[in-house]
PDB file of N, CA and C in Angstrom:
ATOM      1  N   UNK A   1     -80.700 -68.619 -81.896  1.00  0.00           N
ATOM      2  CA  UNK A   1     -79.707 -70.563 -81.977  1.00  0.00           C
ATOM      3  C   UNK A   1     -79.221 -70.068 -83.378  1.00  0.00           C
ATOM      4  N   UNK A   2     -79.111 -69.117 -84.493  1.00  0.00           N
ATOM      5  CA  UNK A   2     -78.490 -69.640 -85.369  1.00  0.00           C
ATOM      6  C   UNK A   2     -77.464 -68.545 -85.902  1.00  0.00           C
ATOM      7  N   UNK A   3     -77.576 -67.228 -84.622  1.00  0.00           N
ATOM      8  CA  UNK A   3     -76.392 -66.239 -84.118  1.00  0.00           C
ATOM      9  C   UNK A   3     -75.319 -67.467 -83.072  1.00  0.00           C
ATOM     10  N   UNK A   4     -76.140 -68.158 -82.238  1.00  0.00           N
ATOM     11  CA  UNK A   4     -74.646 -68.960 -81.654  1.00  0.00           C
ATOM     12  C   UNK A   4     -73.921 -70.410 -81.872  1.00  0.00           C
ATOM     13  N   UNK A   5     -74.842 -70.422 -83.422  1.00  0.00           N
ATOM     14  CA  UNK A   5     -74.280 -71.552 -84.123  1.00  0.00           C
ATOM     15  C   UNK A   5     -73.146 -71.065 -85.191  1.00  0.00           C
ATOM     16  N   UNK A   6     -73.668 -69.816 -84.821  1.00  0.00           N
ATOM     17  CA  UNK A   6     -72.691 -69.270 -86.327  1.00  0.00           C
ATOM     18  C   UNK A   6     -71.147 -69.085 -85.907  1.00  0.00           C
ATOM     19  N   UNK A   7     -71.306 -68.430 -84.687  1.00  0.00           N
ATOM     20  CA  UNK A   7     -70.872 -67.968 -83.894  1.00  0.00           C
ATOM     21  C   UNK A   7     -69.574 -69.348 -83.098  1.00  0.00           C
ATOM     22  N   UNK A   8     -69.951 -70.268 -83.160  1.00  0.00           N
ATOM     23  CA  UNK A   8     -68.914 -71.011 -81.140  1.00  0.00           C
ATOM     24  C   UNK A   8     -69.262 -73.094 -82.671  1.00  0.00           C
ATOM     25  N   UNK A   9     -69.889 -72.739 -84.022  1.00  0.00           N
ATOM     26  CA  UNK A   9     -69.507 -73.616 -84.962  1.00  0.00           C
ATOM     27  C   UNK A   9     -69.999 -74.889 -84.610  1.00  0.00           C
ATOM     28  N   UNK A  10     -71.003 -74.696 -83.372  1.00  0.00           N
ATOM     29  CA  UNK A  10     -71.603 -76.836 -82.876  1.00  0.00           C
ATOM     30  C   UNK A  10     -70.113 -76.966 -82.010  1.00  0.00           C
ATOM     31  N   UNK A  11     -69.296 -76.420 -81.063  1.00  0.00           N
ATOM     32  CA  UNK A  11     -68.373 -76.353 -80.401  1.00  0.00           C
ATOM     33  C   UNK A  11     -69.466 -76.716 -78.863  1.00  0.00           C
ATOM     34  N   UNK A  12     -69.166 -78.002 -78.538  1.00  0.00           N
ATOM     35  CA  UNK A  12     -70.685 -78.097 -77.163  1.00  0.00           C
ATOM     36  C   UNK A  12     -70.497 -77.332 -76.310  1.00  0.00           C
ATOM     37  N   UNK A  13     -69.015 -76.879 -76.014  1.00  0.00           N
ATOM     38  CA  UNK A  13     -68.028 -75.885 -75.176  1.00  0.00           C
ATOM     39  C   UNK A  13     -68.641 -74.105 -74.929  1.00  0.00           C
ATOM     40  N   UNK A  14     -67.609 -74.447 -76.695  1.00  0.00           N
ATOM     41  CA  UNK A  14     -68.404 -72.642 -76.627  1.00  0.00           C
ATOM     42  C   UNK A  14     -69.462 -72.399 -77.006  1.00  0.00           C
ATOM     43  N   UNK A  15     -70.291 -74.083 -77.040  1.00  0.00           N
ATOM     44  CA  UNK A  15     -72.019 -72.561 -76.636  1.00  0.00           C
ATOM     45  C   UNK A  15     -72.753 -72.424 -76.247  1.00  0.00           C
ATOM     46  N   UNK A  16     -72.078 -73.512 -74.545  1.00  0.00           N
ATOM     47  CA  UNK A  16     -72.009 -73.587 -72.937  1.00  0.00           C
ATOM     48  C   UNK A  16     -71.521 -72.507 -72.738  1.00  0.00           C
ATOM     49  N   UNK A  17     -70.374 -71.191 -73.393  1.00  0.00           N
ATOM     50  CA  UNK A  17     -69.879 -69.998 -72.734  1.00  0.00           C
ATOM     51  C   UNK A  17     -70.549 -69.402 -73.509  1.00  0.00           C
ATOM     52  N   UNK A  18     -70.932 -69.237 -74.517  1.00  0.00           N
ATOM     53  CA  UNK A  18     -71.829 -67.749 -75.596  1.00  0.00           C
ATOM     54  C   UNK A  18     -73.447 -67.579 -74.683  1.00  0.00           C
ATOM     55  N   UNK A  19     -74.100 -69.169 -74.816  1.00  0.00           N
ATOM     56  CA  UNK A  19     -74.940 -69.085 -73.787  1.00  0.00           C
ATOM     57  C   UNK A  19     -74.965 -68.632 -72.372  1.00  0.00           C
ATOM     58  N   UNK A  20     -73.506 -68.514 -71.860  1.00  0.00           N
ATOM     59  CA  UNK A  20     -74.060 -68.494 -70.462  1.00  0.00           C
ATOM     60  C   UNK A  20     -73.841 -67.024 -70.095  1.00  0.00           C
ATOM     61  N   UNK A  21     -72.716 -66.216 -70.967  1.00  0.00           N
ATOM     62  CA  UNK A  21     -72.434 -64.805 -71.000  1.00  0.00           C
ATOM     63  C   UNK A  21     -73.956 -64.048 -71.418  1.00  0.00           C
ATOM     64  N   UNK A  22     -74.290 -64.544 -72.519  1.00  0.00           N
ATOM     65  CA  UNK A  22     -76.005 -63.978 -72.991  1.00  0.00           C
ATOM     66  C   UNK A  22     -76.480 -63.737 -71.657  1.00  0.00           C
ATOM     67  N   UNK A  23     -77.002 -64.623 -71.111  1.00  0.00           N
ATOM     68  CA  UNK A  23     -77.323 -65.035 -69.548  1.00  0.00           C
ATOM     69  C   UNK A  23     -77.233 -63.591 -69.116  1.00  0.00           C
ATOM     70  N   UNK A  24     -76.003 -63.677 -68.671  1.00  0.00           N
ATOM     71  CA  UNK A  24     -75.076 -63.110 -68.535  1.00  0.00           C
ATOM     72  C   UNK A  24     -75.323 -61.024 -68.101  1.00  0.00           C
ATOM     73  N   UNK A  25     -75.431 -61.154 -69.554  1.00  0.00           N
ATOM     74  CA  UNK A  25     -75.458 -60.003 -70.776  1.00  0.00           C
ATOM     75  C   UNK A  25     -77.092 -59.297 -69.928  1.00  0.00           C
ATOM     76  N   UNK A  26     -77.619 -60.057 -70.995  1.00  0.00           N
ATOM     77  CA  UNK A  26     -79.170 -60.003 -70.233  1.00  0.00           C
ATOM     78  C   UNK A  26     -79.546 -59.945 -69.314  1.00  0.00           C
ATOM     79  N   UNK A  27     -79.356 -60.012 -68.357  1.00  0.00           N
ATOM     80  CA  UNK A  27     -80.040 -59.833 -66.802  1.00  0.00           C
ATOM     81  C   UNK A  27     -79.422 -58.438 -65.971  1.00  0.00           C
ATOM     82  N   UNK A  28     -78.125 -58.519 -66.875  1.00  0.00           N
ATOM     83  CA  UNK A  28     -77.773 -56.895 -66.049  1.00  0.00           C
ATOM     84  C   UNK A  28     -78.099 -56.170 -67.091  1.00  0.00           C
ATOM     85  N   UNK A  29     -78.673 -55.925 -68.183  1.00  0.00           N
ATOM     86  CA  UNK A  29     -79.568 -55.097 -69.395  1.00  0.00           C
ATOM     87  C   UNK A  29     -80.757 -55.265 -69.061  1.00  0.00           C
ATOM     88  N   UNK A  30     -81.447 -56.411 -67.944  1.00  0.00           N
ATOM     89  CA  UNK A  30     -82.574 -56.530 -67.334  1.00  0.00           C
ATOM     90  C   UNK A  30     -83.631 -56.447 -68.177  1.00  0.00           C
ATOM     91  N   UNK A  31     -83.273 -57.815 -69.710  1.00  0.00           N
ATOM     92  CA  UNK A  31     -83.891 -57.852 -70.601  1.00  0.00           C
ATOM     93  C   UNK A  31     -84.278 -59.060 -70.499  1.00  0.00           C
ATOM     94  N   UNK A  32     -85.427 -59.703 -70.886  1.00  0.00           N
ATOM     95  CA  UNK A  32     -86.607 -60.531 -70.842  1.00  0.00           C
ATOM     96  C   UNK A  32     -85.728 -61.617 -71.679  1.00  0.00           C
ATOM     97  N   UNK A  33     -85.802 -61.351 -72.826  1.00  0.00           N
ATOM     98  CA  UNK A  33     -85.282 -62.563 -74.296  1.00  0.00           C
ATOM     99  C   UNK A  33     -84.324 -61.593 -74.519  1.00  0.00           C
ATOM    100  N   UNK A  34     -83.125 -62.607 -75.412  1.00  0.00           N
ATOM    101  CA  UNK A  34     -82.332 -62.433 -75.858  1.00  0.00           C
ATOM    102  C   UNK A  34     -82.224 -62.337 -77.370  1.00  0.00           C
ATOM    103  N   UNK A  35     -81.772 -61.807 -77.852  1.00  0.00           N
ATOM    104  CA  UNK A  35     -81.861 -61.011 -79.326  1.00  0.00           C
ATOM    105  C   UNK A  35     -80.429 -61.612 -79.681  1.00  0.00           C
ATOM    106  N   UNK A  36     -80.290 -60.878 -81.083  1.00  0.00           N
ATOM    107  CA  UNK A  36     -78.814 -61.660 -81.724  1.00  0.00           C
ATOM    108  C   UNK A  36     -77.795 -60.670 -81.351  1.00  0.00           C
ATOM    109  N   UNK A  37     -78.966 -59.348 -81.198  1.00  0.00           N
ATOM    110  CA  UNK A  37     -78.206 -58.414 -80.731  1.00  0.00           C
ATOM    111  C   UNK A  37     -77.389 -58.929 -79.518  1.00  0.00           C
ATOM    112  N   UNK A  38     -77.780 -59.184 -78.398  1.00  0.00           N
ATOM    113  CA  UNK A  38     -77.342 -59.436 -77.716  1.00  0.00           C
ATOM    114  C   UNK A  38     -75.964 -60.711 -77.337  1.00  0.00           C
ATOM    115  N   UNK A  39     -76.714 -61.419 -78.848  1.00  0.00           N
ATOM    116  CA  UNK A  39     -75.211 -62.778 -79.055  1.00  0.00           C
ATOM    117  C   UNK A  39     -74.439 -61.946 -80.147  1.00  0.00           C
ATOM    118  N   UNK A  40     -74.227 -61.035 -80.209  1.00  0.00           N
ATOM    119  CA  UNK A  40     -73.626 -60.726 -81.675  1.00  0.00           C
ATOM    120  C   UNK A  40     -72.324 -59.614 -80.261  1.00  0.00           C
ATOM    121  N   UNK A  41     -72.907 -59.376 -79.567  1.00  0.00           N
ATOM    122  CA  UNK A  41     -72.389 -58.632 -78.193  1.00  0.00           C
ATOM    123  C   UNK A  41     -71.179 -59.559 -77.371  1.00  0.00           C
ATOM    124  N   UNK A  42     -72.315 -60.210 -77.227  1.00  0.00           N
ATOM    125  CA  UNK A  42     -70.956 -61.233 -76.521  1.00  0.00           C
ATOM    126  C   UNK A  42     -70.340 -61.909 -76.482  1.00  0.00           C
ATOM    127  N   UNK A  43     -70.310 -62.654 -78.799  1.00  0.00           N
ATOM    128  CA  UNK A  43     -69.386 -63.080 -79.369  1.00  0.00           C
ATOM    129  C   UNK A  43     -68.590 -62.164 -79.723  1.00  0.00           C
ATOM    130  N   UNK A  44     -68.395 -60.508 -79.691  1.00  0.00           N
ATOM    131  CA  UNK A  44     -67.534 -59.290 -79.734  1.00  0.00           C
ATOM    132  C   UNK A  44     -66.803 -59.397 -79.128  1.00  0.00           C
ATOM    133  N   UNK A  45     -67.187 -59.839 -77.824  1.00  0.00           N
ATOM    134  CA  UNK A  45     -66.272 -59.031 -76.059  1.00  0.00           C
ATOM    135  C   UNK A  45     -64.833 -60.923 -76.595  1.00  0.00           C
ATOM    136  N   UNK A  46     -65.404 -61.973 -76.908  1.00  0.00           N
ATOM    137  CA  UNK A  46     -64.613 -62.898 -76.645  1.00  0.00           C
ATOM    138  C   UNK A  46     -63.653 -62.526 -78.035  1.00  0.00           C
ATOM    139  N   UNK A  47     -63.816 -62.472 -79.128  1.00  0.00           N
ATOM    140  CA  UNK A  47     -63.851 -61.749 -80.361  1.00  0.00           C
ATOM    141  C   UNK A  47     -63.321 -63.288 -81.603  1.00  0.00           C
ATOM    142  N   UNK A  48     -65.377 -63.698 -81.451  1.00  0.00           N
ATOM    143  CA  UNK A  48     -65.283 -64.367 -82.613  1.00  0.00           C
ATOM    144  C   UNK A  48     -65.834 -63.664 -83.095  1.00  0.00           C
ATOM    145  N   UNK A  49     -66.131 -64.455 -84.525  1.00  0.00           N
ATOM    146  CA  UNK A  49     -66.648 -63.973 -85.541  1.00  0.00           C
ATOM    147  C   UNK A  49     -67.469 -64.589 -86.083  1.00  0.00           C
ATOM    148  N   UNK A  50     -68.776 -64.441 -87.446  1.00  0.00           N
ATOM    149  CA  UNK A  50     -67.920 -65.773 -88.395  1.00  0.00           C
ATOM    150  C   UNK A  50     -67.279 -66.175 -89.340  1.00  0.00           C
ATOM    151  N   UNK A  51     -66.242 -65.400 -89.592  1.00  0.00           N
ATOM    152  CA  UNK A  51     -65.348 -65.802 -90.881  1.00  0.00           C
ATOM    153  C   UNK A  51     -64.534 -67.109 -90.420  1.00  0.00           C
ATOM    154  N   UNK A  52     -64.082 -66.204 -88.602  1.00  0.00           N
ATOM    155  CA  UNK A  52     -63.269 -66.845 -88.322  1.00  0.00           C
ATOM    156  C   UNK A  52     -63.733 -67.836 -87.109  1.00  0.00           C
ATOM    157  N   UNK A  53     -64.291 -68.601 -87.111  1.00  0.00           N
ATOM    158  CA  UNK A  53     -65.073 -68.870 -86.401  1.00  0.00           C
ATOM    159  C   UNK A  53     -64.139 -69.872 -85.563  1.00  0.00           C
ATOM    160  N   UNK A  54     -64.117 -71.131 -84.204  1.00  0.00           N
ATOM    161  CA  UNK A  54     -63.014 -71.773 -83.671  1.00  0.00           C
ATOM    162  C   UNK A  54     -63.220 -72.915 -85.014  1.00  0.00           C
ATOM    163  N   UNK A  55     -63.764 -73.544 -84.801  1.00  0.00           N
ATOM    164  CA  UNK A  55     -63.454 -74.676 -86.431  1.00  0.00           C
ATOM    165  C   UNK A  55     -64.759 -74.875 -87.697  1.00  0.00           C
ATOM    166  N   UNK A  56     -63.162 -74.862 -88.856  1.00  0.00           N
ATOM    167  CA  UNK A  56     -64.145 -74.289 -90.388  1.00  0.00           C
ATOM    168  C   UNK A  56     -65.272 -74.802 -90.222  1.00  0.00           C
ATOM    169  N   UNK A  57     -65.862 -74.494 -91.613  1.00  0.00           N
ATOM    170  CA  UNK A  57     -67.575 -75.240 -91.706  1.00  0.00           C
ATOM    171  C   UNK A  57     -67.301 -75.912 -93.034  1.00  0.00           C
ATOM    172  N   UNK A  58     -67.251 -77.041 -93.537  1.00  0.00           N
ATOM    173  CA  UNK A  58     -66.486 -77.883 -94.774  1.00  0.00           C
ATOM    174  C   UNK A  58     -67.749 -78.250 -94.832  1.00  0.00           C
ATOM    175  N   UNK A  59     -68.508 -78.919 -97.012  1.00  0.00           N
ATOM    176  CA  UNK A  59     -69.027 -78.500 -97.305  1.00  0.00           C
ATOM    177  C   UNK A  59     -68.760 -81.182 -98.013  1.00  0.00           C
ATOM    178  N   UNK A  60     -67.746 -80.892 -97.900  1.00  0.00           N
ATOM    179  CA  UNK A  60     -67.210 -81.993 -98.219  1.00  0.00           C
ATOM    180  C   UNK A  60     -66.664 -82.678 -97.248  1.00  0.00           C
ATOM    181  N   UNK A  61     -67.305 -84.372 -97.100  1.00  0.00           N
ATOM    182  CA  UNK A  61     -66.729 -85.079 -96.106  1.00  0.00           C
ATOM    183  C   UNK A  61     -65.445 -85.047 -96.152  1.00  0.00           C
ATOM    184  N   UNK A  62     -64.710 -85.419 -94.993  1.00  0.00           N
ATOM    185  CA  UNK A  62     -62.939 -85.551 -95.157  1.00  0.00           C
ATOM    186  C   UNK A  62     -63.518 -87.088 -95.708  1.00  0.00           C
ATOM    187  N   UNK A  63     -61.699 -87.276 -96.384  1.00  0.00           N
ATOM    188  CA  UNK A  63     -61.326 -88.704 -96.668  1.00  0.00           C
ATOM    189  C   UNK A  63     -60.481 -88.968 -95.666  1.00  0.00           C
ATOM    190  N   UNK A  64     -60.790 -90.300 -96.074  1.00  0.00           N
ATOM    191  CA  UNK A  64     -59.823 -91.013 -94.402  1.00  0.00           C
ATOM    192  C   UNK A  64     -57.714 -90.285 -94.802  1.00  0.00           C
ATOM    193  N   UNK A  65     -57.461 -90.234 -94.089  1.00  0.00           N
ATOM    194  CA  UNK A  65     -55.745 -89.744 -93.526  1.00  0.00           C
ATOM    195  C   UNK A  65     -55.621 -88.644 -94.441  1.00  0.00           C
ATOM    196  N   UNK A  66     -57.191 -88.051 -94.493  1.00  0.00           N
ATOM    197  CA  UNK A  66     -56.346 -86.655 -94.926  1.00  0.00           C
ATOM    198  C   UNK A  66     -55.911 -85.457 -94.283  1.00  0.00           C
ATOM    199  N   UNK A  67     -56.128 -85.598 -93.274  1.00  0.00           N
ATOM    200  CA  UNK A  67     -54.676 -84.503 -91.710  1.00  0.00           C
ATOM    201  C   UNK A  67     -56.755 -83.648 -91.371  1.00  0.00           C
ATOM    202  N   UNK A  68     -57.308 -83.791 -91.897  1.00  0.00           N
ATOM    203  CA  UNK A  68     -58.255 -82.687 -91.359  1.00  0.00           C
ATOM    204  C   UNK A  68     -58.567 -82.700 -89.600  1.00  0.00           C
ATOM    205  N   UNK A  69     -58.868 -83.949 -89.130  1.00  0.00           N
ATOM    206  CA  UNK A  69     -58.933 -84.257 -87.875  1.00  0.00           C
ATOM    207  C   UNK A  69     -57.072 -83.478 -86.918  1.00  0.00           C
ATOM    208  N   UNK A  70     -56.635 -84.078 -87.639  1.00  0.00           N
ATOM    209  CA  UNK A  70     -55.335 -83.172 -86.740  1.00  0.00           C
ATOM    210  C   UNK A  70     -55.444 -81.380 -87.153  1.00  0.00           C
ATOM    211  N   UNK A  71     -55.899 -80.590 -88.092  1.00  0.00           N
ATOM    212  CA  UNK A  71     -55.597 -78.989 -88.449  1.00  0.00           C
ATOM    213  C   UNK A  71     -56.468 -78.642 -87.572  1.00  0.00           C
ATOM    214  N   UNK A  72     -58.261 -79.165 -87.264  1.00  0.00           N
ATOM    215  CA  UNK A  72     -59.362 -79.066 -86.968  1.00  0.00           C
ATOM    216  C   UNK A  72     -59.602 -78.675 -85.433  1.00  0.00           C
ATOM    217  N   UNK A  73     -58.622 -79.770 -84.443  1.00  0.00           N
ATOM    218  CA  UNK A  73     -58.735 -80.031 -84.126  1.00  0.00           C
ATOM    219  C   UNK A  73     -57.283 -78.846 -82.333  1.00  0.00           C
ATOM    220  N   UNK A  74     -56.091 -78.775 -83.358  1.00  0.00           N
ATOM    221  CA  UNK A  74     -55.195 -77.851 -83.549  1.00  0.00           C
ATOM    222  C   UNK A  74     -55.933 -76.433 -83.676  1.00  0.00           C
ATOM    223  N   UNK A  75     -56.894 -76.206 -83.925  1.00  0.00           N
ATOM    224  CA  UNK A  75     -57.779 -74.913 -84.458  1.00  0.00           C
ATOM    225  C   UNK A  75     -58.088 -74.604 -82.906  1.00  0.00           C
ATOM    226  N   UNK A  76     -58.987 -75.534 -82.336  1.00  0.00           N
ATOM    227  CA  UNK A  76     -59.974 -75.809 -81.549  1.00  0.00           C
ATOM    228  C   UNK A  76     -59.153 -75.464 -79.903  1.00  0.00           C
ATOM    229  N   UNK A  77     -58.632 -75.836 -79.929  1.00  0.00           N
ATOM    230  CA  UNK A  77     -57.045 -76.717 -78.676  1.00  0.00           C
ATOM    231  C   UNK A  77     -56.611 -74.878 -78.940  1.00  0.00           C
ATOM    232  N   UNK A  78     -56.501 -74.277 -79.776  1.00  0.00           N
ATOM    233  CA  UNK A  78     -55.909 -72.801 -79.625  1.00  0.00           C
ATOM    234  C   UNK A  78     -57.410 -71.617 -79.074  1.00  0.00           C
ATOM    235  N   UNK A  79     -58.503 -72.042 -79.510  1.00  0.00           N
ATOM    236  CA  UNK A  79     -59.838 -71.632 -79.322  1.00  0.00           C
ATOM    237  C   UNK A  79     -60.225 -71.544 -77.518  1.00  0.00           C
ATOM    238  N   UNK A  80     -60.431 -72.492 -77.220  1.00  0.00           N
ATOM    239  CA  UNK A  80     -60.903 -72.955 -76.421  1.00  0.00           C
ATOM    240  C   UNK A  80     -59.803 -72.022 -74.991  1.00  0.00           C
ATOM    241  N   UNK A  81     -58.233 -72.036 -75.429  1.00  0.00           N
ATOM    242  CA  UNK A  81     -57.136 -72.059 -74.441  1.00  0.00           C
ATOM    243  C   UNK A  81     -57.184 -70.289 -74.681  1.00  0.00           C
ATOM    244  N   UNK A  82     -57.836 -69.518 -75.795  1.00  0.00           N
ATOM    245  CA  UNK A  82     -58.044 -67.948 -76.063  1.00  0.00           C
ATOM    246  C   UNK A  82     -59.658 -67.397 -74.798  1.00  0.00           C
ATOM    247  N   UNK A  83     -60.111 -68.769 -75.227  1.00  0.00           N
ATOM    248  CA  UNK A  83     -61.359 -68.334 -74.325  1.00  0.00           C
ATOM    249  C   UNK A  83     -61.730 -68.609 -72.607  1.00  0.00           C
ATOM    250  N   UNK A  84     -60.743 -69.557 -72.664  1.00  0.00           N
ATOM    251  CA  UNK A  84     -60.543 -69.970 -70.887  1.00  0.00           C
ATOM    252  C   UNK A  84     -59.832 -68.611 -70.260  1.00  0.00           C
ATOM    253  N   UNK A  85     -58.540 -67.842 -71.531  1.00  0.00           N
ATOM    254  CA  UNK A  85     -57.704 -66.879 -70.473  1.00  0.00           C
ATOM    255  C   UNK A  85     -58.589 -65.657 -70.310  1.00  0.00           C
ATOM    256  N   UNK A  86     -60.026 -65.429 -71.715  1.00  0.00           N
ATOM    257  CA  UNK A  86     -60.577 -64.566 -71.132  1.00  0.00           C
ATOM    258  C   UNK A  86     -61.489 -65.029 -69.687  1.00  0.00           C
ATOM    259  N   UNK A  87     -62.430 -65.885 -69.965  1.00  0.00           N
ATOM    260  CA  UNK A  87     -63.019 -66.065 -68.808  1.00  0.00           C
ATOM    261  C   UNK A  87     -61.721 -65.803 -67.198  1.00  0.00           C
ATOM    262  N   UNK A  88     -60.633 -66.796 -67.235  1.00  0.00           N
ATOM    263  CA  UNK A  88     -59.834 -65.909 -66.060  1.00  0.00           C
ATOM    264  C   UNK A  88     -59.441 -64.108 -66.338  1.00  0.00           C
ATOM    265  N   UNK A  89     -59.795 -64.149 -67.073  1.00  0.00           N
ATOM    266  CA  UNK A  89     -59.461 -62.719 -66.947  1.00  0.00           C
ATOM    267  C   UNK A  89     -60.983 -61.693 -66.256  1.00  0.00           C
ATOM    268  N   UNK A  90     -61.986 -62.271 -67.803  1.00  0.00           N
ATOM    269  CA  UNK A  90     -63.182 -61.449 -67.090  1.00  0.00           C
ATOM    270  C   UNK A  90     -63.807 -61.919 -65.015  1.00  0.00           C
ATOM    271  N   UNK A  91     -63.071 -63.078 -64.484  1.00  0.00           N
ATOM    272  CA  UNK A  91     -63.595 -63.392 -63.147  1.00  0.00           C
ATOM    273  C   UNK A  91     -62.060 -62.238 -62.624  1.00  0.00           C
ATOM    274  N   UNK A  92     -61.156 -62.535 -63.203  1.00  0.00           N
ATOM    275  CA  UNK A  92     -60.353 -61.126 -62.177  1.00  0.00           C
ATOM    276  C   UNK A  92     -61.384 -59.612 -62.328  1.00  0.00           C
ATOM    277  N   UNK A  93     -61.636 -59.182 -62.949  1.00  0.00           N
ATOM    278  CA  UNK A  93     -62.360 -58.202 -63.446  1.00  0.00           C
ATOM    279  C   UNK A  93     -63.586 -58.029 -62.063  1.00  0.00           C
ATOM    280  N   UNK A  94     -64.435 -59.521 -61.832  1.00  0.00           N
ATOM    281  CA  UNK A  94     -65.192 -59.012 -60.451  1.00  0.00           C
ATOM    282  C   UNK A  94     -65.144 -59.794 -59.458  1.00  0.00           C
ATOM    283  N   UNK A  95     -64.453 -60.060 -59.101  1.00  0.00           N
ATOM    284  CA  UNK A  95     -64.071 -60.350 -57.395  1.00  0.00           C
ATOM    285  C   UNK A  95     -64.700 -61.124 -56.532  1.00  0.00           C
ATOM    286  N   UNK A  96     -65.458 -59.620 -56.188  1.00  0.00           N
ATOM    287  CA  UNK A  96     -66.710 -60.127 -55.911  1.00  0.00           C
ATOM    288  C   UNK A  96     -68.110 -61.135 -55.711  1.00  0.00           C
ATOM    289  N   UNK A  97     -67.885 -61.633 -57.228  1.00  0.00           N
ATOM    290  CA  UNK A  97     -69.091 -62.962 -57.781  1.00  0.00           C
ATOM    291  C   UNK A  97     -68.437 -64.206 -57.825  1.00  0.00           C
ATOM    292  N   UNK A  98     -68.727 -64.212 -56.834  1.00  0.00           N
ATOM    293  CA  UNK A  98     -68.150 -66.085 -56.789  1.00  0.00           C
ATOM    294  C   UNK A  98     -69.596 -67.401 -57.013  1.00  0.00           C
ATOM    295  N   UNK A  99     -69.133 -67.989 -57.865  1.00  0.00           N
ATOM    296  CA  UNK A  99     -70.347 -69.196 -57.531  1.00  0.00           C
ATOM    297  C   UNK A  99     -70.240 -70.215 -56.469  1.00  0.00           C
ATOM    298  N   UNK A 100     -71.321 -70.305 -56.232  1.00  0.00           N
ATOM    299  CA  UNK A 100     -71.043 -71.135 -54.204  1.00  0.00           C
ATOM    300  C   UNK A 100     -71.303 -72.909 -54.493  1.00  0.00           C
TER     301      UNK A 100
END
């Protein structure tokens, strides 16, 4: 759980993405448990790492009108666009697998 949070910065869409791909990876590797090694590998596939996660973690609460919301939103949108593009590319690699 710590690794998922570290890579996703708590963003629900990124958490879902990481978890889904960890489940698929564990299934392909025929593993019954998902360890940090699988989470690390999936995060690496999406070029996510703790230092450049989607939204920087701040220990100080933002002050009103500090512009923090604008910066966090723009960074999160860029990260989501990158992840969406990679998902699209990964679907093209496996055309036989489709959800019904």
